[in-house]
C-alpha atoms as a PDB file:
ATOM      1  CA  TYR A   1      13.495  15.206  -2.301  1.00  0.00           C
ATOM      2  CA  THR A   2      15.761  12.288  -3.117  1.00  0.00           C
ATOM      3  CA  THR A   3      14.660   8.861  -4.297  1.00  0.00           C
ATOM      4  CA  ARG A   4      16.857   7.085  -1.757  1.00  0.00           C
ATOM      5  CA  ARG A   5      14.671   7.959   1.232  1.00  0.00           C
ATOM      6  CA  GLY A   6      11.937   5.358   0.584  1.00  0.00           C
ATOM      7  CA  ARG A   7      11.726   1.938   2.214  1.00  0.00           C
ATOM      8  CA  ARG A   8      10.078  -1.295   1.042  1.00  0.00           C
ATOM      9  CA  LYS A   9       8.222  -3.970   2.989  1.00  0.00           C
ATOM     10  CA  SER A  10       6.745  -7.078   1.457  1.00  0.00           C
ATOM     11  CA  GLY A  11       3.915  -9.431   2.405  1.00  0.00           C
ATOM     12  CA  PRO A  12       2.313 -12.486   0.797  1.00  0.00           C
ATOM     13  CA  ARG A  13       0.177 -10.461  -1.644  1.00  0.00           C
ATOM     14  CA  LEU A  14       1.460  -6.876  -1.443  1.00  0.00           C
ATOM     15  CA  VAL A  15       4.641  -4.814  -1.540  1.00  0.00           C
ATOM     16  CA  VAL A  16       4.538  -1.355   0.062  1.00  0.00           C
ATOM     17  CA  TYR A  17       7.053   1.411  -0.551  1.00  0.00           C
ATOM     18  CA  ALA A  18       6.936   4.312   1.915  1.00  0.00           C
ATOM     19  CA  ARG A  19       8.636   7.667   1.635  1.00  0.00           C
ATOM     20  CA  PRO A  20       8.148  10.839   3.726  1.00  0.00           C
ATOM     21  CA  ASN A  21       6.302  13.472   1.718  1.00  0.00           C
ATOM     22  CA  GLY A  22       6.714  16.541   3.947  1.00  0.00           C
ATOM     23  CA  ARG A  23       2.947  17.027   4.170  1.00  0.00           C
ATOM     24  CA  GLY A  24       0.492  16.428   6.966  1.00  0.00           C
ATOM     25  CA  TRP A  25      -1.363  13.658   5.148  1.00  0.00           C
ATOM     26  CA  THR A  26      -0.686  10.358   3.440  1.00  0.00           C
ATOM     27  CA  ARG A  27      -1.094   9.709  -0.265  1.00  0.00           C
ATOM     28  CA  ILE A  28      -1.265   6.337  -1.984  1.00  0.00           C
ATOM     29  CA  GLY A  29      -0.318   5.112  -5.418  1.00  0.00           C
ATOM     30  CA  LEU A  30      -1.413   1.736  -6.742  1.00  0.00           C
ATOM     31  CA  THR A  31       0.255  -0.607  -9.203  1.00  0.00           C
ATOM     32  CA  VAL A  32      -1.486  -3.747 -10.407  1.00  0.00           C
ATOM     33  CA  SER A  33       0.305  -5.455 -13.276  1.00  0.00           C
ATOM     34  CA  ARG A  34      -1.346  -7.495 -16.001  1.00  0.00           C
ATOM     35  CA  LYS A  35       0.322 -10.553 -14.479  1.00  0.00           C
ATOM     36  CA  VAL A  36      -2.244 -10.282 -11.666  1.00  0.00           C
ATOM     37  CA  GLY A  37      -5.136 -10.950 -14.022  1.00  0.00           C
ATOM     38  CA  LYS A  38      -7.453  -9.460 -16.562  1.00  0.00           C
ATOM     39  CA  ALA A  39      -8.982  -5.997 -16.180  1.00  0.00           C
ATOM     40  CA  PRO A  40     -11.851  -6.965 -13.828  1.00  0.00           C
ATOM     41  CA  VAL A  41      -9.425  -8.591 -11.380  1.00  0.00           C
ATOM     42  CA  ARG A  42      -6.997  -5.662 -11.514  1.00  0.00           C
ATOM     43  CA  ASN A  43      -9.831  -3.176 -11.029  1.00  0.00           C
ATOM     44  CA  ARG A  44     -11.176  -5.137  -8.075  1.00  0.00           C
ATOM     45  CA  TRP A  45      -7.740  -5.023  -6.435  1.00  0.00           C
ATOM     46  CA  LYS A  46      -7.571  -1.258  -6.923  1.00  0.00           C
ATOM     47  CA  ARG A  47     -11.081  -0.738  -5.542  1.00  0.00           C
ATOM     48  CA  LEU A  48     -10.324  -2.876  -2.479  1.00  0.00           C
ATOM     49  CA  LEU A  49      -7.052  -1.073  -1.774  1.00  0.00           C
ATOM     50  CA  ARG A  50      -8.562   2.406  -2.162  1.00  0.00           C
ATOM     51  CA  GLU A  51     -11.525   1.518   0.049  1.00  0.00           C
ATOM     52  CA  ALA A  52      -9.328  -0.076   2.738  1.00  0.00           C
ATOM     53  CA  PHE A  53      -7.203   3.079   2.816  1.00  0.00           C
ATOM     54  CA  ARG A  54     -10.161   5.486   2.747  1.00  0.00           C
ATOM     55  CA  ARG A  55     -12.054   3.810   5.582  1.00  0.00           C
ATOM     56  CA  ASN A  56      -9.027   3.263   7.843  1.00  0.00           C
ATOM     57  CA  LYS A  57      -6.776   6.298   7.426  1.00  0.00           C
ATOM     58  CA  ALA A  58      -6.059   6.349  11.171  1.00  0.00           C
ATOM     59  CA  ARG A  59      -4.310   2.967  10.891  1.00  0.00           C
ATOM     60  CA  PHE A  60      -1.803   4.312   8.361  1.00  0.00           C
ATOM     61  CA  PRO A  61       1.240   6.492   9.081  1.00  0.00           C
ATOM     62  CA  THR A  62       0.774  10.219   8.497  1.00  0.00           C
ATOM     63  CA  GLY A  63       2.988  12.248   6.181  1.00  0.00           C
ATOM     64  CA  PHE A  64       4.023   9.533   3.736  1.00  0.00           C
ATOM     65  CA  ASP A  65       3.650   8.640   0.109  1.00  0.00           C
ATOM     66  CA  LEU A  66       2.780   4.946  -0.096  1.00  0.00           C
ATOM     67  CA  VAL A  67       3.125   2.981  -3.316  1.00  0.00           C
ATOM     68  CA  ILE A  68       1.291  -0.325  -3.139  1.00  0.00           C
ATOM     69  CA  ILE A  69       2.191  -3.080  -5.592  1.00  0.00           C
ATOM     70  CA  VAL A  70       0.033  -6.182  -5.901  1.00  0.00           C
ATOM     71  CA  LYS A  71       1.914  -9.432  -6.409  1.00  0.00           C
ATOM     72  CA  ALA A  72       0.695 -11.868  -9.051  1.00  0.00           C
ATOM     73  CA  SER A  73       0.271 -14.662  -6.529  1.00  0.00           C
ATOM     74  CA  LYS A  74      -3.341 -14.560  -5.304  1.00  0.00           C
ATOM     75  CA  ALA A  75      -6.761 -13.155  -6.104  1.00  0.00           C
ATOM     76  CA  PRO A  76      -8.321 -10.562  -3.792  1.00  0.00           C
ATOM     77  CA  THR A  77     -10.529 -11.971  -1.066  1.00  0.00           C
ATOM     78  CA  GLY A  78     -12.123  -9.042   0.741  1.00  0.00           C
ATOM     79  CA  ARG A  79     -11.522  -5.531   2.026  1.00  0.00           C
ATOM     80  CA  ASP A  80     -10.812  -6.692   5.588  1.00  0.00           C
ATOM     81  CA  ASP A  81      -8.238  -9.254   4.456  1.00  0.00           C
ATOM     82  CA  VAL A  82      -6.525  -6.670   2.288  1.00  0.00           C
ATOM     83  CA  LEU A  83      -6.480  -4.178   5.182  1.00  0.00           C
ATOM     84  CA  GLU A  84      -5.004  -6.733   7.591  1.00  0.00           C
ATOM     85  CA  GLU A  85      -2.025  -7.111   5.290  1.00  0.00           C
ATOM     86  CA  LEU A  86      -1.751  -3.527   4.055  1.00  0.00           C
ATOM     87  CA  ALA A  87      -1.830  -1.496   7.290  1.00  0.00           C
ATOM     88  CA  PRO A  88       1.002  -3.359   9.090  1.00  0.00           C
ATOM     89  CA  LEU A  89       3.180  -3.295   5.959  1.00  0.00           C
ATOM     90  CA  ALA A  90       2.647   0.464   5.625  1.00  0.00           C
ATOM     91  CA  ARG A  91       3.527   1.034   9.300  1.00  0.00           C
ATOM     92  CA  ARG A  92       6.650  -1.132   9.063  1.00  0.00           C
ATOM     93  CA  ALA A  93       7.807   0.620   5.898  1.00  0.00           C
ATOM     94  CA  ALA A  94       7.231   4.035   7.505  1.00  0.00           C
ATOM     95  CA  GLU A  95       9.124   3.015  10.649  1.00  0.00           C
ATOM     96  CA  ALA A  96      12.036   1.899   8.463  1.00  0.00           C
ATOM     97  CA  CYS A  97      12.162   5.484   7.150  1.00  0.00           C
ATOM     98  CA  GLY A  98      12.757   6.673  10.715  1.00  0.00           C
ATOM     99  CA  LYS A  99       9.438   8.444  11.181  1.00  0.00           C
ATOM    100  CA  LYS A 100       6.064   7.188  12.518  1.00  0.00           C
END
């Protein structure tokens, strides 16, 4: 399991790293730096990302570990806006790994 197998895709508010995990399901990891804001803002980002993933697992590639990094640029707006950016980035990152 080498570290060189992951791929990164970036959007206006998020960066997604994808790496095959050899399992039949997808796992996510979240990183929200203090540059994004104080604790309530960081926690809101994490809640929105977890909920977007939980409610829309079919829109994400299967068999990957996804690490989602929030950029310091903008505040979260809503779950649907977050999902519209997150799902395509995750798919593109997974496709760059050579597996869908």
